[in-house]
Amino acid sequence: MIAADVTVADDVAKAAAGHDAAISSVYRADLPSREYYPAAAHALIDGLGRAGVARLVVVGIGTALEIEPGVALHDQPGVPPEHREFSLGHTAELEVFRASGGGLDWVIVAPPPVFLDEHAERTGAYRSGDHRVLPRAEDAKPFSYADLAVALVDEIERPAHSRAMVAVDY
């Protein structure tokens, strides 16, 4: 295990040395999301580039997905302000990745905008889409953390998306 700060490119480069790919699943509650997530994205782009890592899979957030063209779920009335701020931090992170050059092949995998089930077993079954919330049945079960992990690893082992945010759901 290597202690590192994901917002420091030198730390990212040191932690990533010798690897082909990276998964970023980061969170800090003590920093403003709109500062933390873009800072992490900049450091990941720089540090992974210096380490020679070509593929990055990032855990996104479902509220940053669009529900109609140009309208993210976090822009809907009733979204608590603190949840919206967190989601806007992820959107700012996405913009940093979009503005980056072509050296790093990144993808942001966004689970559905529902509470994930930390106890549900892995099914290995999921579908992916684009930057929009995927339709789900009213009686659909919560998406599991285990299946989110499957989607992340699948994007490392068999990349299906590049330089985009994609939704996953059952």
C-alpha atoms as a PDB file:
ATOM      1  CA  MET A   1       0.000   0.000   0.000  1.00  0.00           C
ATOM      2  CA  ILE A   2       1.235   3.465  -0.887  1.00  0.00           C
ATOM      3  CA  ALA A   3       0.059   6.551   0.974  1.00  0.00           C
ATOM      4  CA  ALA A   4      -0.701   9.240  -1.567  1.00  0.00           C
ATOM      5  CA  ASP A   5      -2.783  12.331  -2.166  1.00  0.00           C
ATOM      6  CA  VAL A   6      -4.837  12.037  -5.355  1.00  0.00           C
ATOM      7  CA  THR A   7      -4.658  15.816  -5.808  1.00  0.00           C
ATOM      8  CA  VAL A   8      -0.854  15.744  -6.038  1.00  0.00           C
ATOM      9  CA  ALA A   9       0.451  14.620  -9.436  1.00  0.00           C
ATOM     10  CA  ASP A  10       3.800  13.449  -8.005  1.00  0.00           C
ATOM     11  CA  ASP A  11       1.946  11.182  -5.562  1.00  0.00           C
ATOM     12  CA  VAL A  12      -0.258   9.818  -8.351  1.00  0.00           C
ATOM     13  CA  ALA A  13       2.783   9.116 -10.545  1.00  0.00           C
ATOM     14  CA  LYS A  14       4.551   7.321  -7.690  1.00  0.00           C
ATOM     15  CA  ALA A  15       1.492   5.206  -6.803  1.00  0.00           C
ATOM     16  CA  ALA A  16       0.753   4.339 -10.437  1.00  0.00           C
ATOM     17  CA  ALA A  17       4.289   3.429 -11.508  1.00  0.00           C
ATOM     18  CA  GLY A  18       4.420   0.014 -13.138  1.00  0.00           C
ATOM     19  CA  HIS A  19       0.664  -0.260 -13.730  1.00  0.00           C
ATOM     20  CA  ASP A  20      -1.225  -0.355 -17.017  1.00  0.00           C
ATOM     21  CA  ALA A  21      -4.503   1.074 -15.709  1.00  0.00           C
ATOM     22  CA  ALA A  22      -6.031   2.802 -12.704  1.00  0.00           C
ATOM     23  CA  ILE A  23      -9.420   3.046 -11.050  1.00  0.00           C
ATOM     24  CA  SER A  24     -10.282   6.241  -9.191  1.00  0.00           C
ATOM     25  CA  SER A  25     -12.902   6.031  -6.476  1.00  0.00           C
ATOM     26  CA  VAL A  26     -12.138   9.017  -4.299  1.00  0.00           C
ATOM     27  CA  TYR A  27     -14.046  11.078  -1.773  1.00  0.00           C
ATOM     28  CA  ARG A  28     -13.304  13.802   0.759  1.00  0.00           C
ATOM     29  CA  ALA A  29     -15.994  15.434   2.832  1.00  0.00           C
ATOM     30  CA  ASP A  30     -13.714  18.077   4.318  1.00  0.00           C
ATOM     31  CA  LEU A  31     -13.077  19.893   1.024  1.00  0.00           C
ATOM     32  CA  PRO A  32     -15.529  21.584  -1.337  1.00  0.00           C
ATOM     33  CA  SER A  33     -16.457  19.119  -4.089  1.00  0.00           C
ATOM     34  CA  ARG A  34     -16.075  21.722  -6.840  1.00  0.00           C
ATOM     35  CA  GLU A  35     -12.435  22.145  -5.797  1.00  0.00           C
ATOM     36  CA  TYR A  36     -11.531  18.585  -4.828  1.00  0.00           C
ATOM     37  CA  TYR A  37     -12.761  16.631  -7.861  1.00  0.00           C
ATOM     38  CA  PRO A  38     -11.237  18.932 -10.509  1.00  0.00           C
ATOM     39  CA  ALA A  39      -7.954  19.011  -8.560  1.00  0.00           C
ATOM     40  CA  ALA A  40      -7.937  15.214  -8.470  1.00  0.00           C
ATOM     41  CA  ALA A  41      -8.688  15.050 -12.205  1.00  0.00           C
ATOM     42  CA  HIS A  42      -5.786  17.375 -13.036  1.00  0.00           C
ATOM     43  CA  ALA A  43      -3.403  15.370 -10.846  1.00  0.00           C
ATOM     44  CA  LEU A  44      -4.606  12.062 -12.294  1.00  0.00           C
ATOM     45  CA  ILE A  45      -4.108  13.265 -15.864  1.00  0.00           C
ATOM     46  CA  ASP A  46      -0.605  14.552 -15.106  1.00  0.00           C
ATOM     47  CA  GLY A  47       0.518  11.821 -12.722  1.00  0.00           C
ATOM     48  CA  LEU A  48      -0.812   8.880 -14.724  1.00  0.00           C
ATOM     49  CA  GLY A  49       0.747  10.350 -17.856  1.00  0.00           C
ATOM     50  CA  ARG A  50       4.134  10.550 -16.185  1.00  0.00           C
ATOM     51  CA  ALA A  51       3.751   6.971 -14.907  1.00  0.00           C
ATOM     52  CA  GLY A  52       2.886   5.697 -18.380  1.00  0.00           C
ATOM     53  CA  VAL A  53      -0.620   4.581 -17.368  1.00  0.00           C
ATOM     54  CA  ALA A  54      -2.847   4.668 -20.428  1.00  0.00           C
ATOM     55  CA  ARG A  55      -6.294   3.806 -18.992  1.00  0.00           C
ATOM     56  CA  LEU A  56      -8.280   5.422 -16.168  1.00  0.00           C
ATOM     57  CA  VAL A  57     -11.724   4.343 -14.977  1.00  0.00           C
ATOM     58  CA  VAL A  58     -13.398   6.794 -12.610  1.00  0.00           C
ATOM     59  CA  VAL A  59     -16.394   6.181 -10.356  1.00  0.00           C
ATOM     60  CA  GLY A  60     -18.936   8.867 -11.157  1.00  0.00           C
ATOM     61  CA  ILE A  61     -22.295   9.804  -9.676  1.00  0.00           C
ATOM     62  CA  GLY A  62     -25.722   9.207 -11.158  1.00  0.00           C
ATOM     63  CA  THR A  63     -27.071  12.665 -10.364  1.00  0.00           C
ATOM     64  CA  ALA A  64     -24.590  14.145 -12.869  1.00  0.00           C
ATOM     65  CA  LEU A  65     -26.227  12.154 -15.691  1.00  0.00           C
ATOM     66  CA  GLU A  66     -28.661  13.933 -17.994  1.00  0.00           C
ATOM     67  CA  ILE A  67     -32.398  13.367 -17.790  1.00  0.00           C
ATOM     68  CA  GLU A  68     -33.002  15.368 -20.955  1.00  0.00           C
ATOM     69  CA  PRO A  69     -30.601  17.097 -23.356  1.00  0.00           C
ATOM     70  CA  GLY A  70     -28.447  19.534 -21.413  1.00  0.00           C
ATOM     71  CA  VAL A  71     -30.246  18.952 -18.088  1.00  0.00           C
ATOM     72  CA  ALA A  72     -28.545  16.934 -15.376  1.00  0.00           C
ATOM     73  CA  LEU A  73     -30.576  15.212 -12.696  1.00  0.00           C
ATOM     74  CA  HIS A  74     -28.948  17.452 -10.061  1.00  0.00           C
ATOM     75  CA  ASP A  75     -30.656  20.455 -11.708  1.00  0.00           C
ATOM     76  CA  GLN A  76     -34.136  19.215 -10.814  1.00  0.00           C
ATOM     77  CA  PRO A  77     -36.205  20.901  -8.130  1.00  0.00           C
ATOM     78  CA  GLY A  78     -36.062  19.120  -4.819  1.00  0.00           C
ATOM     79  CA  VAL A  79     -32.463  17.961  -5.029  1.00  0.00           C
ATOM     80  CA  PRO A  80     -30.959  18.853  -1.653  1.00  0.00           C
ATOM     81  CA  PRO A  81     -28.353  21.639  -2.008  1.00  0.00           C
ATOM     82  CA  GLU A  82     -25.556  19.550  -0.468  1.00  0.00           C
ATOM     83  CA  HIS A  83     -26.256  16.689  -2.912  1.00  0.00           C
ATOM     84  CA  ARG A  84     -26.311  19.138  -5.815  1.00  0.00           C
ATOM     85  CA  GLU A  85     -22.960  20.613  -4.755  1.00  0.00           C
ATOM     86  CA  PHE A  86     -21.429  17.133  -4.571  1.00  0.00           C
ATOM     87  CA  SER A  87     -22.789  16.313  -8.021  1.00  0.00           C
ATOM     88  CA  LEU A  88     -21.535  19.634  -9.433  1.00  0.00           C
ATOM     89  CA  GLY A  89     -18.067  18.686  -8.183  1.00  0.00           C
ATOM     90  CA  HIS A  90     -18.260  15.510 -10.254  1.00  0.00           C
ATOM     91  CA  THR A  91     -19.454  17.543 -13.244  1.00  0.00           C
ATOM     92  CA  ALA A  92     -16.456  19.871 -12.845  1.00  0.00           C
ATOM     93  CA  GLU A  93     -14.221  16.775 -12.765  1.00  0.00           C
ATOM     94  CA  LEU A  94     -15.809  15.590 -16.030  1.00  0.00           C
ATOM     95  CA  GLU A  95     -15.080  18.945 -17.652  1.00  0.00           C
ATOM     96  CA  VAL A  96     -11.395  18.663 -16.694  1.00  0.00           C
ATOM     97  CA  PHE A  97     -11.208  15.227 -18.306  1.00  0.00           C
ATOM     98  CA  ARG A  98     -13.054  16.438 -21.419  1.00  0.00           C
ATOM     99  CA  ALA A  99     -10.620  19.339 -21.817  1.00  0.00           C
ATOM    100  CA  SER A 100      -7.571  17.110 -21.469  1.00  0.00           C
ATOM    101  CA  GLY A 101      -5.506  16.022 -24.437  1.00  0.00           C
ATOM    102  CA  GLY A 102      -5.670  12.589 -25.953  1.00  0.00           C
ATOM    103  CA  GLY A 103      -2.901  10.955 -23.926  1.00  0.00           C
ATOM    104  CA  LEU A 104      -5.079   9.356 -21.253  1.00  0.00           C
ATOM    105  CA  ASP A 105      -7.949   7.060 -22.197  1.00  0.00           C
ATOM    106  CA  TRP A 106     -10.457   7.773 -19.433  1.00  0.00           C
ATOM    107  CA  VAL A 107     -14.054   6.825 -18.742  1.00  0.00           C
ATOM    108  CA  ILE A 108     -16.363   7.852 -15.914  1.00  0.00           C
ATOM    109  CA  VAL A 109     -18.774   5.091 -14.907  1.00  0.00           C
ATOM    110  CA  ALA A 110     -21.866   6.515 -13.222  1.00  0.00           C
ATOM    111  CA  PRO A 111     -24.180   4.184 -11.318  1.00  0.00           C
ATOM    112  CA  PRO A 112     -27.909   4.897 -11.325  1.00  0.00           C
ATOM    113  CA  PRO A 113     -29.061   7.856  -9.221  1.00  0.00           C
ATOM    114  CA  VAL A 114     -30.411   5.617  -6.459  1.00  0.00           C
ATOM    115  CA  PHE A 115     -28.908   4.412  -3.218  1.00  0.00           C
ATOM    116  CA  LEU A 116     -26.612   1.520  -3.995  1.00  0.00           C
ATOM    117  CA  ASP A 117     -27.049  -1.748  -2.134  1.00  0.00           C
ATOM    118  CA  GLU A 118     -23.901  -2.544  -0.202  1.00  0.00           C
ATOM    119  CA  HIS A 119     -25.177  -5.988   0.827  1.00  0.00           C
ATOM    120  CA  ALA A 120     -26.514  -7.282  -2.485  1.00  0.00           C
ATOM    121  CA  GLU A 121     -24.598 -10.078  -4.117  1.00  0.00           C
ATOM    122  CA  ARG A 122     -22.729  -9.689  -7.347  1.00  0.00           C
ATOM    123  CA  THR A 123     -24.793 -10.688 -10.367  1.00  0.00           C
ATOM    124  CA  GLY A 124     -22.249  -9.622 -12.973  1.00  0.00           C
ATOM    125  CA  ALA A 125     -25.181  -8.400 -15.050  1.00  0.00           C
ATOM    126  CA  TYR A 126     -25.577  -4.759 -15.934  1.00  0.00           C
ATOM    127  CA  ARG A 127     -26.154  -2.629 -18.984  1.00  0.00           C
ATOM    128  CA  SER A 128     -24.380   0.540 -19.958  1.00  0.00           C
ATOM    129  CA  GLY A 129     -25.501   3.570 -21.872  1.00  0.00           C
ATOM    130  CA  ASP A 130     -24.209   7.029 -22.534  1.00  0.00           C
ATOM    131  CA  HIS A 131     -24.295  10.244 -20.476  1.00  0.00           C
ATOM    132  CA  ARG A 132     -28.029   9.928 -19.762  1.00  0.00           C
ATOM    133  CA  VAL A 133     -29.855   8.224 -16.906  1.00  0.00           C
ATOM    134  CA  LEU A 134     -30.882   4.769 -18.085  1.00  0.00           C
ATOM    135  CA  PRO A 135     -34.590   3.992 -17.818  1.00  0.00           C
ATOM    136  CA  ARG A 136     -35.388   1.639 -14.967  1.00  0.00           C
ATOM    137  CA  ALA A 137     -38.497  -0.246 -13.947  1.00  0.00           C
ATOM    138  CA  GLU A 138     -40.405   1.105 -10.961  1.00  0.00           C
ATOM    139  CA  ASP A 139     -39.833  -2.176  -9.137  1.00  0.00           C
ATOM    140  CA  ALA A 140     -36.133  -2.401 -10.045  1.00  0.00           C
ATOM    141  CA  LYS A 141     -33.894  -3.438  -7.214  1.00  0.00           C
ATOM    142  CA  PRO A 142     -31.139  -1.091  -6.053  1.00  0.00           C
ATOM    143  CA  PHE A 143     -27.916  -1.375  -8.003  1.00  0.00           C
ATOM    144  CA  SER A 144     -25.250  -3.224  -6.040  1.00  0.00           C
ATOM    145  CA  TYR A 145     -21.776  -2.012  -5.193  1.00  0.00           C
ATOM    146  CA  ALA A 146     -20.553  -5.440  -6.287  1.00  0.00           C
ATOM    147  CA  ASP A 147     -21.963  -4.965  -9.786  1.00  0.00           C
ATOM    148  CA  LEU A 148     -20.540  -1.452  -9.958  1.00  0.00           C
ATOM    149  CA  ALA A 149     -17.159  -3.035  -9.241  1.00  0.00           C
ATOM    150  CA  VAL A 150     -17.762  -5.512 -12.072  1.00  0.00           C
ATOM    151  CA  ALA A 151     -18.510  -2.635 -14.464  1.00  0.00           C
ATOM    152  CA  LEU A 152     -15.318  -0.839 -13.410  1.00  0.00           C
ATOM    153  CA  VAL A 153     -13.114  -3.889 -13.882  1.00  0.00           C
ATOM    154  CA  ASP A 154     -14.809  -4.699 -17.204  1.00  0.00           C
ATOM    155  CA  GLU A 155     -13.840  -1.230 -18.454  1.00  0.00           C
ATOM    156  CA  ILE A 156     -10.227  -2.019 -17.572  1.00  0.00           C
ATOM    157  CA  GLU A 157     -10.144  -5.527 -19.010  1.00  0.00           C
ATOM    158  CA  ARG A 158     -12.408  -4.964 -22.021  1.00  0.00           C
ATOM    159  CA  PRO A 159     -12.737  -1.234 -22.667  1.00  0.00           C
ATOM    160  CA  ALA A 160     -16.100  -0.425 -24.237  1.00  0.00           C
ATOM    161  CA  HIS A 161     -16.092   3.357 -23.742  1.00  0.00           C
ATOM    162  CA  SER A 162     -13.502   6.060 -24.187  1.00  0.00           C
ATOM    163  CA  ARG A 163     -13.266   9.679 -23.061  1.00  0.00           C
ATOM    164  CA  ALA A 164     -16.880   9.797 -21.879  1.00  0.00           C
ATOM    165  CA  MET A 165     -19.173   9.478 -18.897  1.00  0.00           C
ATOM    166  CA  VAL A 166     -21.395   6.423 -19.163  1.00  0.00           C
ATOM    167  CA  ALA A 167     -24.360   5.249 -17.111  1.00  0.00           C
ATOM    168  CA  VAL A 168     -24.667   1.717 -15.773  1.00  0.00           C
ATOM    169  CA  ASP A 169     -27.774   0.036 -14.372  1.00  0.00           C
ATOM    170  CA  TYR A 170     -29.588  -3.289 -14.438  1.00  0.00           C
END
